[in-house]
């Protein structure tokens, strides 16, 4: 399955140098905003250590943009990685954020036994346990302008992340196709 991982330009350079997406010991982008209240409940937005988090294209943009803005960078990187389905697990961290939208379906699926496919349906995100060596996967990347840079297309696209409107989906796909994608193994930052 083709999945996406967004991160800041500085972190992407480290990933590229190591040819590895780390699942453990990765500094969080959300230290200052990791806990917030939603509908009277405290939500912890930190991710569980030991996993690499992946999503569809728009969520790769979302998380890359968050990383870039937290570092006050004008650019971020989104990696496209072709990951075998058998490595994918449910992203239980992201599922807790979409619970209000999918409560009935999550309850029916048994929250503790949600499959990767159900996770992708509920929140368009999954995770892989441990590190991912980029040479083990077909991987490419693109540099994208963050919303730290005002007045660009990224800001408009991020508002479409929950849309299932065919026109919005086409706008996202067109943007993806316009990016300059580079092979990780054949390029340097």
N, C-alpha and C. Protein backbone atom coordinates (compact mmCIF):
# COMPACT_ATOMS: atom_id res chain seq x y z
N UNK A 1 0.84 -1.17 0.00
CA UNK A 1 0.00 0.00 0.00
C UNK A 1 0.89 1.24 0.00
N UNK A 2 0.58 2.20 -0.85
CA UNK A 2 1.33 3.46 -0.87
C UNK A 2 0.81 4.35 0.24
N UNK A 3 1.73 4.69 1.14
CA UNK A 3 1.40 5.51 2.30
C UNK A 3 2.37 6.67 2.39
N UNK A 4 2.05 7.63 3.25
CA UNK A 4 2.82 8.87 3.31
C UNK A 4 3.21 9.19 4.75
N UNK A 5 4.40 9.78 4.87
CA UNK A 5 4.92 10.22 6.16
C UNK A 5 5.46 11.63 5.97
N UNK A 6 4.87 12.59 6.66
CA UNK A 6 5.31 13.97 6.55
C UNK A 6 6.16 14.37 7.74
N UNK A 7 7.18 15.18 7.49
CA UNK A 7 8.05 15.64 8.56
C UNK A 7 8.73 16.95 8.14
N UNK A 8 9.40 17.57 9.08
CA UNK A 8 10.10 18.82 8.78
C UNK A 8 11.29 18.54 7.87
N UNK A 9 11.77 19.57 7.23
CA UNK A 9 12.93 19.45 6.34
C UNK A 9 14.16 18.99 7.11
N UNK A 10 14.37 19.52 8.31
CA UNK A 10 15.55 19.12 9.09
C UNK A 10 15.48 17.65 9.49
N UNK A 11 14.31 17.19 9.90
CA UNK A 11 14.16 15.77 10.25
C UNK A 11 14.26 14.89 9.01
N UNK A 12 13.77 15.37 7.88
CA UNK A 12 13.85 14.60 6.63
C UNK A 12 15.31 14.41 6.21
N UNK A 13 16.13 15.43 6.42
CA UNK A 13 17.56 15.29 6.09
C UNK A 13 18.20 14.20 6.93
N UNK A 14 17.83 14.14 8.20
CA UNK A 14 18.36 13.09 9.08
C UNK A 14 17.85 11.72 8.63
N UNK A 15 16.58 11.63 8.30
CA UNK A 15 16.00 10.38 7.80
C UNK A 15 16.75 9.94 6.55
N UNK A 16 16.98 10.88 5.64
CA UNK A 16 17.66 10.56 4.39
C UNK A 16 19.10 10.11 4.64
N UNK A 17 19.81 10.79 5.52
CA UNK A 17 21.20 10.42 5.83
C UNK A 17 21.28 9.03 6.44
N UNK A 18 20.33 8.69 7.31
CA UNK A 18 20.32 7.38 7.96
C UNK A 18 19.61 6.32 7.12
N UNK A 19 18.85 6.78 6.12
CA UNK A 19 18.00 5.91 5.30
C UNK A 19 17.07 5.08 6.20
N UNK A 20 16.52 5.76 7.20
CA UNK A 20 15.71 5.08 8.20
C UNK A 20 14.65 6.04 8.77
N UNK A 21 13.43 5.54 8.85
CA UNK A 21 12.39 6.20 9.63
C UNK A 21 12.41 5.53 10.99
N UNK A 22 12.70 6.30 12.01
CA UNK A 22 12.81 5.72 13.36
C UNK A 22 11.44 5.60 14.02
N UNK A 23 11.24 4.49 14.68
CA UNK A 23 10.01 4.28 15.44
C UNK A 23 10.17 4.65 16.90
N UNK A 24 11.40 4.70 17.39
CA UNK A 24 11.65 4.99 18.81
C UNK A 24 12.59 6.17 18.97
N UNK A 25 12.40 6.89 20.07
CA UNK A 25 13.31 7.97 20.40
C UNK A 25 13.22 9.17 19.48
N UNK A 26 12.08 9.35 18.84
CA UNK A 26 11.90 10.47 17.91
C UNK A 26 11.30 11.64 18.68
N UNK A 27 11.93 12.82 18.63
CA UNK A 27 11.36 13.99 19.30
C UNK A 27 9.96 14.29 18.75
N UNK A 28 9.05 14.59 19.63
CA UNK A 28 7.66 14.85 19.24
C UNK A 28 7.50 16.29 18.77
N UNK A 29 6.60 16.47 17.80
CA UNK A 29 6.30 17.80 17.28
C UNK A 29 5.28 18.54 18.14
N UNK A 30 4.65 17.82 19.05
CA UNK A 30 3.49 18.36 19.73
C UNK A 30 3.74 18.64 21.21
N UNK A 31 4.99 18.76 21.63
CA UNK A 31 5.29 18.92 23.05
C UNK A 31 4.48 20.05 23.69
N UNK A 32 4.33 21.16 22.98
CA UNK A 32 3.63 22.32 23.55
C UNK A 32 2.12 22.24 23.42
N UNK A 33 1.64 21.36 22.56
CA UNK A 33 0.20 21.28 22.33
C UNK A 33 -0.30 19.85 22.46
N UNK A 34 0.42 19.00 23.18
CA UNK A 34 0.08 17.58 23.19
C UNK A 34 -1.21 17.27 23.93
N UNK A 35 -1.62 18.12 24.85
CA UNK A 35 -2.87 17.87 25.58
C UNK A 35 -3.82 19.03 25.35
N UNK A 36 -5.06 18.67 25.04
CA UNK A 36 -6.08 19.69 24.84
C UNK A 36 -7.42 19.11 25.25
N UNK A 37 -8.38 19.98 25.45
CA UNK A 37 -9.71 19.53 25.85
C UNK A 37 -10.63 19.54 24.65
N UNK A 38 -11.41 18.48 24.51
CA UNK A 38 -12.39 18.39 23.43
C UNK A 38 -13.66 17.77 24.00
N UNK A 39 -14.77 18.50 23.90
CA UNK A 39 -16.06 18.04 24.40
C UNK A 39 -15.96 17.58 25.86
N UNK A 40 -15.24 18.37 26.66
CA UNK A 40 -15.14 18.09 28.08
C UNK A 40 -14.16 16.98 28.45
N UNK A 41 -13.46 16.43 27.48
CA UNK A 41 -12.49 15.36 27.77
C UNK A 41 -11.09 15.85 27.44
N UNK A 42 -10.11 15.47 28.27
CA UNK A 42 -8.73 15.80 27.96
C UNK A 42 -8.19 14.79 26.95
N UNK A 43 -7.62 15.29 25.87
CA UNK A 43 -7.07 14.45 24.81
C UNK A 43 -5.55 14.60 24.82
N UNK A 44 -4.85 13.49 24.78
CA UNK A 44 -3.39 13.49 24.68
C UNK A 44 -3.04 13.15 23.24
N UNK A 45 -2.43 14.08 22.53
CA UNK A 45 -2.16 13.87 21.10
C UNK A 45 -0.79 13.28 20.82
N UNK A 46 -0.02 12.95 21.84
CA UNK A 46 1.28 12.33 21.59
C UNK A 46 1.10 10.92 21.05
N UNK A 47 2.07 10.48 20.28
CA UNK A 47 2.03 9.14 19.70
C UNK A 47 2.79 8.17 20.61
N UNK A 48 2.51 6.90 20.42
CA UNK A 48 3.16 5.85 21.19
C UNK A 48 4.56 5.59 20.63
N UNK A 49 5.56 5.61 21.50
CA UNK A 49 6.93 5.35 21.07
C UNK A 49 7.04 3.92 20.54
N UNK A 50 7.88 3.75 19.52
CA UNK A 50 8.11 2.42 18.98
C UNK A 50 7.45 2.16 17.64
N UNK A 51 6.81 3.19 17.07
CA UNK A 51 6.09 3.03 15.81
C UNK A 51 6.43 4.15 14.83
N UNK A 52 6.37 3.81 13.55
CA UNK A 52 6.41 4.80 12.48
C UNK A 52 4.97 5.01 12.05
N UNK A 53 4.54 6.25 11.97
CA UNK A 53 3.15 6.58 11.65
C UNK A 53 3.04 7.01 10.19
N UNK A 54 2.04 6.46 9.52
CA UNK A 54 1.83 6.69 8.09
C UNK A 54 0.35 6.96 7.84
N UNK A 55 0.06 7.65 6.75
CA UNK A 55 -1.33 7.92 6.40
C UNK A 55 -1.49 8.12 4.92
N UNK A 56 -2.69 8.56 4.54
CA UNK A 56 -2.90 8.88 3.13
C UNK A 56 -2.16 10.19 2.82
N UNK A 57 -2.21 10.62 1.59
CA UNK A 57 -1.43 11.79 1.16
C UNK A 57 -1.77 13.04 1.97
N UNK A 58 -3.04 13.31 2.16
CA UNK A 58 -3.43 14.55 2.84
C UNK A 58 -2.98 14.55 4.30
N UNK A 59 -3.00 13.37 4.94
CA UNK A 59 -2.51 13.30 6.33
C UNK A 59 -0.99 13.39 6.38
N UNK A 60 -0.30 12.90 5.36
CA UNK A 60 1.14 13.12 5.27
C UNK A 60 1.44 14.61 5.21
N UNK A 61 0.64 15.34 4.43
CA UNK A 61 0.78 16.80 4.36
C UNK A 61 0.49 17.44 5.72
N UNK A 62 -0.59 17.01 6.35
CA UNK A 62 -0.99 17.58 7.64
C UNK A 62 0.13 17.46 8.68
N UNK A 63 0.65 16.25 8.84
CA UNK A 63 1.66 16.04 9.88
C UNK A 63 3.01 16.66 9.49
N UNK A 64 3.34 16.68 8.21
CA UNK A 64 4.54 17.37 7.76
C UNK A 64 4.44 18.86 8.01
N UNK A 65 3.27 19.41 7.76
CA UNK A 65 3.05 20.84 7.99
C UNK A 65 3.15 21.18 9.47
N UNK A 66 2.58 20.34 10.33
CA UNK A 66 2.69 20.57 11.77
C UNK A 66 4.15 20.59 12.20
N UNK A 67 4.92 19.61 11.69
CA UNK A 67 6.35 19.54 12.04
C UNK A 67 7.09 20.79 11.57
N UNK A 68 6.81 21.22 10.35
CA UNK A 68 7.48 22.41 9.81
C UNK A 68 7.13 23.66 10.60
N UNK A 69 5.86 23.84 10.88
CA UNK A 69 5.43 25.04 11.61
C UNK A 69 5.96 25.04 13.04
N UNK A 70 6.06 23.87 13.67
CA UNK A 70 6.59 23.82 15.04
C UNK A 70 8.06 24.21 15.07
N UNK A 71 8.76 24.02 13.93
CA UNK A 71 10.16 24.43 13.83
C UNK A 71 10.31 25.77 13.10
N UNK A 72 9.19 26.39 12.76
CA UNK A 72 9.16 27.67 12.04
C UNK A 72 9.88 27.58 10.70
N UNK A 73 9.63 26.48 9.99
CA UNK A 73 10.21 26.26 8.66
C UNK A 73 9.19 26.55 7.58
N UNK A 74 9.67 27.03 6.46
CA UNK A 74 8.78 27.31 5.34
C UNK A 74 8.52 26.08 4.48
N UNK A 75 9.32 25.03 4.64
CA UNK A 75 9.16 23.82 3.83
C UNK A 75 9.10 22.59 4.72
N UNK A 76 8.48 21.54 4.19
CA UNK A 76 8.52 20.23 4.84
C UNK A 76 8.64 19.18 3.75
N UNK A 77 8.82 17.94 4.17
CA UNK A 77 8.98 16.84 3.24
C UNK A 77 7.89 15.81 3.49
N UNK A 78 7.33 15.30 2.41
CA UNK A 78 6.40 14.16 2.52
C UNK A 78 7.04 13.00 1.76
N UNK A 79 7.16 11.88 2.45
CA UNK A 79 7.69 10.65 1.86
C UNK A 79 6.52 9.79 1.40
N UNK A 80 6.64 9.20 0.22
CA UNK A 80 5.70 8.18 -0.24
C UNK A 80 6.42 6.84 -0.14
N UNK A 81 5.83 5.90 0.59
CA UNK A 81 6.47 4.62 0.86
C UNK A 81 5.49 3.51 0.53
N UNK A 82 5.93 2.56 -0.27
CA UNK A 82 5.10 1.40 -0.62
C UNK A 82 5.35 0.31 0.42
N UNK A 83 4.41 0.13 1.34
CA UNK A 83 4.58 -0.76 2.48
C UNK A 83 3.72 -2.01 2.32
N UNK A 84 4.28 -3.20 2.52
CA UNK A 84 3.48 -4.42 2.47
C UNK A 84 2.38 -4.39 3.53
N UNK A 85 1.19 -4.80 3.15
CA UNK A 85 0.04 -4.77 4.06
C UNK A 85 0.28 -5.52 5.37
N UNK A 86 1.05 -6.60 5.31
CA UNK A 86 1.24 -7.42 6.52
C UNK A 86 2.04 -6.71 7.61
N UNK A 87 2.71 -5.61 7.28
CA UNK A 87 3.45 -4.84 8.28
C UNK A 87 2.59 -3.79 8.98
N UNK A 88 1.43 -3.52 8.43
CA UNK A 88 0.60 -2.42 8.92
C UNK A 88 -0.21 -2.83 10.15
N UNK A 89 -0.30 -1.89 11.08
CA UNK A 89 -1.13 -2.05 12.28
C UNK A 89 -2.06 -0.86 12.38
N UNK A 90 -3.12 -1.03 13.16
CA UNK A 90 -4.04 0.07 13.41
C UNK A 90 -3.32 1.19 14.15
N UNK A 91 -3.60 2.42 13.76
CA UNK A 91 -3.05 3.59 14.44
C UNK A 91 -3.99 3.94 15.60
N UNK A 92 -3.78 3.29 16.73
CA UNK A 92 -4.67 3.47 17.88
C UNK A 92 -4.61 4.88 18.44
N UNK A 93 -3.50 5.58 18.23
CA UNK A 93 -3.39 6.96 18.70
C UNK A 93 -4.31 7.88 17.89
N UNK A 94 -4.31 7.74 16.58
CA UNK A 94 -5.16 8.58 15.75
C UNK A 94 -6.63 8.19 15.90
N UNK A 95 -6.89 6.91 16.12
CA UNK A 95 -8.28 6.46 16.28
C UNK A 95 -8.94 7.16 17.47
N UNK A 96 -8.19 7.38 18.55
CA UNK A 96 -8.80 8.06 19.71
C UNK A 96 -9.22 9.48 19.36
N UNK A 97 -8.61 10.08 18.34
CA UNK A 97 -8.98 11.44 17.93
C UNK A 97 -10.22 11.47 17.05
N UNK A 98 -10.52 10.37 16.39
CA UNK A 98 -11.68 10.35 15.49
C UNK A 98 -12.85 9.60 16.10
N UNK A 99 -12.72 9.20 17.35
CA UNK A 99 -13.74 8.40 18.02
C UNK A 99 -15.14 9.02 17.91
N UNK A 100 -15.25 10.32 18.08
CA UNK A 100 -16.57 10.95 18.04
C UNK A 100 -17.24 10.82 16.68
N UNK A 101 -16.46 10.74 15.61
CA UNK A 101 -17.02 10.59 14.27
C UNK A 101 -17.38 9.15 13.97
N UNK A 102 -16.65 8.21 14.54
CA UNK A 102 -16.77 6.79 14.19
C UNK A 102 -17.11 5.92 15.40
N UNK A 103 -17.70 6.47 16.46
CA UNK A 103 -17.88 5.72 17.70
C UNK A 103 -18.61 4.39 17.48
N UNK A 104 -19.70 4.41 16.76
CA UNK A 104 -20.47 3.19 16.55
C UNK A 104 -19.64 2.12 15.82
N UNK A 105 -18.93 2.53 14.78
CA UNK A 105 -18.12 1.58 14.02
C UNK A 105 -16.93 1.07 14.83
N UNK A 106 -16.32 1.96 15.62
CA UNK A 106 -15.19 1.55 16.46
C UNK A 106 -15.66 0.57 17.52
N UNK A 107 -16.80 0.85 18.14
CA UNK A 107 -17.35 -0.08 19.13
C UNK A 107 -17.65 -1.43 18.50
N UNK A 108 -18.23 -1.42 17.31
CA UNK A 108 -18.56 -2.68 16.62
C UNK A 108 -17.30 -3.46 16.26
N UNK A 109 -16.23 -2.76 15.95
CA UNK A 109 -14.98 -3.41 15.55
C UNK A 109 -14.18 -3.89 16.76
N UNK A 110 -14.55 -3.48 17.96
CA UNK A 110 -13.81 -3.78 19.19
C UNK A 110 -12.50 -3.01 19.17
N UNK A 111 -12.49 -1.91 19.86
CA UNK A 111 -11.36 -0.96 19.82
C UNK A 111 -10.00 -1.63 20.01
N UNK A 112 -9.93 -2.66 20.81
CA UNK A 112 -8.64 -3.31 21.07
C UNK A 112 -8.21 -4.26 19.96
N UNK A 113 -9.10 -4.54 19.02
CA UNK A 113 -8.79 -5.48 17.93
C UNK A 113 -9.04 -4.88 16.56
N UNK A 114 -8.90 -3.58 16.43
CA UNK A 114 -9.11 -2.92 15.14
C UNK A 114 -7.99 -3.32 14.19
N UNK A 115 -8.36 -3.67 12.98
CA UNK A 115 -7.37 -4.06 11.98
C UNK A 115 -6.77 -2.81 11.33
N UNK A 116 -5.68 -3.00 10.61
CA UNK A 116 -5.08 -1.89 9.87
C UNK A 116 -6.06 -1.36 8.83
N UNK A 117 -6.80 -2.25 8.17
CA UNK A 117 -7.78 -1.81 7.16
C UNK A 117 -8.87 -0.96 7.80
N UNK A 118 -9.35 -1.36 8.97
CA UNK A 118 -10.37 -0.57 9.67
C UNK A 118 -9.78 0.77 10.12
N UNK A 119 -8.56 0.75 10.60
CA UNK A 119 -7.90 1.98 11.00
C UNK A 119 -7.82 2.95 9.83
N UNK A 120 -7.45 2.44 8.66
CA UNK A 120 -7.34 3.30 7.49
C UNK A 120 -8.71 3.84 7.09
N UNK A 121 -9.75 3.03 7.26
CA UNK A 121 -11.11 3.49 6.96
C UNK A 121 -11.53 4.58 7.95
N UNK A 122 -11.26 4.38 9.23
CA UNK A 122 -11.70 5.32 10.26
C UNK A 122 -10.92 6.63 10.24
N UNK A 123 -9.60 6.56 10.06
CA UNK A 123 -8.80 7.78 10.22
C UNK A 123 -7.73 7.98 9.16
N UNK A 124 -7.72 7.15 8.12
CA UNK A 124 -6.76 7.25 7.02
C UNK A 124 -5.31 7.17 7.49
N UNK A 125 -5.10 6.53 8.64
CA UNK A 125 -3.76 6.40 9.20
C UNK A 125 -3.53 4.99 9.73
N UNK A 126 -2.28 4.54 9.66
CA UNK A 126 -1.84 3.25 10.19
C UNK A 126 -0.45 3.45 10.78
N UNK A 127 0.11 2.39 11.33
CA UNK A 127 1.47 2.49 11.85
C UNK A 127 2.20 1.18 11.61
N UNK A 128 3.54 1.26 11.68
CA UNK A 128 4.42 0.11 11.52
C UNK A 128 5.28 0.03 12.78
N UNK A 129 5.38 -1.15 13.36
CA UNK A 129 6.17 -1.33 14.58
C UNK A 129 7.67 -1.29 14.25
N UNK A 130 8.42 -0.53 15.04
CA UNK A 130 9.87 -0.46 14.88
C UNK A 130 10.30 0.54 13.81
N UNK A 131 11.57 0.46 13.46
CA UNK A 131 12.14 1.33 12.43
C UNK A 131 11.81 0.80 11.04
N UNK A 132 11.85 1.69 10.06
CA UNK A 132 11.67 1.31 8.66
C UNK A 132 12.93 1.73 7.89
N UNK A 133 13.64 0.76 7.35
CA UNK A 133 14.81 1.05 6.52
C UNK A 133 14.32 1.40 5.12
N UNK A 134 14.59 2.60 4.66
CA UNK A 134 14.02 3.08 3.40
C UNK A 134 14.45 2.25 2.20
N UNK A 135 15.63 1.65 2.25
CA UNK A 135 16.06 0.81 1.12
C UNK A 135 15.25 -0.47 1.00
N UNK A 136 14.48 -0.81 2.03
CA UNK A 136 13.63 -2.01 1.98
C UNK A 136 12.31 -1.76 1.26
N UNK A 137 12.03 -0.52 0.90
CA UNK A 137 10.75 -0.14 0.31
C UNK A 137 10.97 0.77 -0.88
N UNK A 138 10.02 0.75 -1.79
CA UNK A 138 10.03 1.74 -2.88
C UNK A 138 9.61 3.06 -2.23
N UNK A 139 10.55 4.01 -2.21
CA UNK A 139 10.33 5.26 -1.47
C UNK A 139 10.73 6.46 -2.33
N UNK A 140 9.91 7.49 -2.28
CA UNK A 140 10.26 8.76 -2.91
C UNK A 140 9.78 9.88 -1.99
N UNK A 141 10.20 11.09 -2.30
CA UNK A 141 9.82 12.22 -1.46
C UNK A 141 9.61 13.47 -2.30
N UNK A 142 8.91 14.42 -1.70
CA UNK A 142 8.72 15.73 -2.32
C UNK A 142 8.80 16.79 -1.22
N UNK A 143 9.31 17.95 -1.59
CA UNK A 143 9.37 19.10 -0.68
C UNK A 143 8.14 19.95 -0.95
N UNK A 144 7.48 20.37 0.14
CA UNK A 144 6.21 21.10 0.05
C UNK A 144 6.31 22.37 0.90
N UNK A 145 5.68 23.44 0.45
CA UNK A 145 5.61 24.69 1.23
C UNK A 145 4.65 24.50 2.40
N UNK A 146 5.08 24.93 3.58
CA UNK A 146 4.23 24.81 4.76
C UNK A 146 3.30 26.02 4.87
N UNK A 147 2.36 25.93 5.79
CA UNK A 147 1.46 27.06 6.03
C UNK A 147 2.15 28.15 6.85
N UNK A 148 3.36 27.88 7.31
CA UNK A 148 4.16 28.92 7.93
C UNK A 148 4.46 30.01 6.90
N UNK A 149 4.43 29.61 5.66
CA UNK A 149 4.58 30.45 4.48
C UNK A 149 3.15 30.84 4.09
N UNK A 150 2.72 32.05 4.28
CA UNK A 150 1.32 32.39 4.05
C UNK A 150 0.96 32.41 2.56
N UNK A 151 -0.31 32.17 2.30
CA UNK A 151 -0.86 32.31 0.96
C UNK A 151 -0.45 31.23 -0.03
N UNK A 152 -0.31 29.99 0.41
CA UNK A 152 0.02 28.94 -0.54
C UNK A 152 -1.08 27.88 -0.61
N UNK A 153 -0.96 26.98 -1.56
CA UNK A 153 -1.99 25.96 -1.79
C UNK A 153 -2.09 24.95 -0.66
N UNK A 154 -1.03 24.74 0.09
CA UNK A 154 -1.05 23.74 1.15
C UNK A 154 -2.14 24.05 2.16
N UNK A 155 -2.27 25.32 2.56
CA UNK A 155 -3.28 25.69 3.54
C UNK A 155 -4.68 25.34 3.05
N UNK A 156 -4.96 25.61 1.80
CA UNK A 156 -6.28 25.30 1.23
C UNK A 156 -6.52 23.79 1.18
N UNK A 157 -5.48 23.03 0.84
CA UNK A 157 -5.61 21.57 0.76
C UNK A 157 -5.91 20.95 2.11
N UNK A 158 -5.27 21.44 3.15
CA UNK A 158 -5.44 20.84 4.47
C UNK A 158 -6.88 20.93 4.97
N UNK A 159 -7.63 21.91 4.48
CA UNK A 159 -9.04 22.01 4.85
C UNK A 159 -9.88 20.90 4.21
N UNK A 160 -9.31 20.21 3.22
CA UNK A 160 -10.05 19.16 2.52
C UNK A 160 -9.82 17.77 3.11
N UNK A 161 -9.09 17.67 4.21
CA UNK A 161 -8.67 16.35 4.69
C UNK A 161 -9.82 15.43 5.07
N UNK A 162 -10.97 15.95 5.43
CA UNK A 162 -12.10 15.09 5.79
C UNK A 162 -13.11 14.97 4.66
N UNK A 163 -12.86 15.64 3.56
CA UNK A 163 -13.83 15.65 2.47
C UNK A 163 -13.80 14.35 1.66
N UNK A 164 -15.00 13.90 1.30
CA UNK A 164 -15.09 12.76 0.37
C UNK A 164 -15.74 13.20 -0.94
N UNK A 165 -15.81 14.52 -1.13
CA UNK A 165 -16.36 15.07 -2.37
C UNK A 165 -15.42 14.76 -3.52
N UNK A 166 -15.92 14.20 -4.63
CA UNK A 166 -15.05 13.86 -5.76
C UNK A 166 -14.23 15.04 -6.29
N UNK A 167 -14.80 16.24 -6.27
CA UNK A 167 -14.06 17.42 -6.74
C UNK A 167 -12.89 17.74 -5.83
N UNK A 168 -13.10 17.62 -4.52
CA UNK A 168 -12.01 17.87 -3.56
C UNK A 168 -10.92 16.80 -3.69
N UNK A 169 -11.33 15.57 -3.86
CA UNK A 169 -10.37 14.47 -4.02
C UNK A 169 -9.52 14.71 -5.26
N UNK A 170 -10.14 15.21 -6.33
CA UNK A 170 -9.39 15.51 -7.56
C UNK A 170 -8.38 16.65 -7.33
N UNK A 171 -8.78 17.67 -6.58
CA UNK A 171 -7.87 18.78 -6.27
C UNK A 171 -6.64 18.26 -5.52
N UNK A 172 -6.86 17.38 -4.55
CA UNK A 172 -5.75 16.80 -3.78
C UNK A 172 -4.86 15.97 -4.70
N UNK A 173 -5.46 15.14 -5.54
CA UNK A 173 -4.70 14.28 -6.45
C UNK A 173 -3.90 15.13 -7.45
N UNK A 174 -4.52 16.18 -7.97
CA UNK A 174 -3.81 17.06 -8.92
C UNK A 174 -2.60 17.71 -8.25
N UNK A 175 -2.76 18.15 -7.01
CA UNK A 175 -1.65 18.76 -6.27
C UNK A 175 -0.52 17.74 -6.10
N UNK A 176 -0.88 16.53 -5.73
CA UNK A 176 0.12 15.46 -5.54
C UNK A 176 0.90 15.22 -6.83
N UNK A 177 0.22 15.21 -7.95
CA UNK A 177 0.87 14.95 -9.24
C UNK A 177 1.77 16.11 -9.68
N UNK A 178 1.50 17.32 -9.20
CA UNK A 178 2.32 18.47 -9.57
C UNK A 178 3.62 18.56 -8.77
N UNK A 179 3.71 17.84 -7.67
CA UNK A 179 4.92 17.88 -6.86
C UNK A 179 6.09 17.24 -7.60
N UNK A 180 7.28 17.70 -7.29
CA UNK A 180 8.49 17.12 -7.89
C UNK A 180 8.97 15.98 -6.98
N UNK A 181 8.59 14.76 -7.35
CA UNK A 181 8.93 13.58 -6.56
C UNK A 181 10.32 13.09 -6.94
N UNK A 182 11.12 12.75 -5.93
CA UNK A 182 12.48 12.25 -6.15
C UNK A 182 12.64 10.92 -5.43
N UNK A 183 13.40 10.02 -6.04
CA UNK A 183 13.72 8.74 -5.41
C UNK A 183 14.68 8.97 -4.26
N UNK A 184 14.39 8.37 -3.12
CA UNK A 184 15.25 8.54 -1.95
C UNK A 184 16.64 7.99 -2.20
N UNK A 185 16.72 6.84 -2.84
CA UNK A 185 18.03 6.18 -3.01
C UNK A 185 18.92 6.86 -4.05
N UNK A 186 18.33 7.69 -4.90
CA UNK A 186 19.11 8.29 -5.99
C UNK A 186 19.38 9.78 -5.80
N UNK A 187 18.99 10.33 -4.68
CA UNK A 187 19.09 11.79 -4.54
C UNK A 187 19.76 12.18 -3.23
N UNK A 188 20.07 13.45 -3.16
CA UNK A 188 20.56 14.04 -1.91
C UNK A 188 19.71 15.26 -1.62
N UNK A 189 19.64 15.63 -0.36
CA UNK A 189 18.88 16.82 0.02
C UNK A 189 19.75 18.05 -0.18
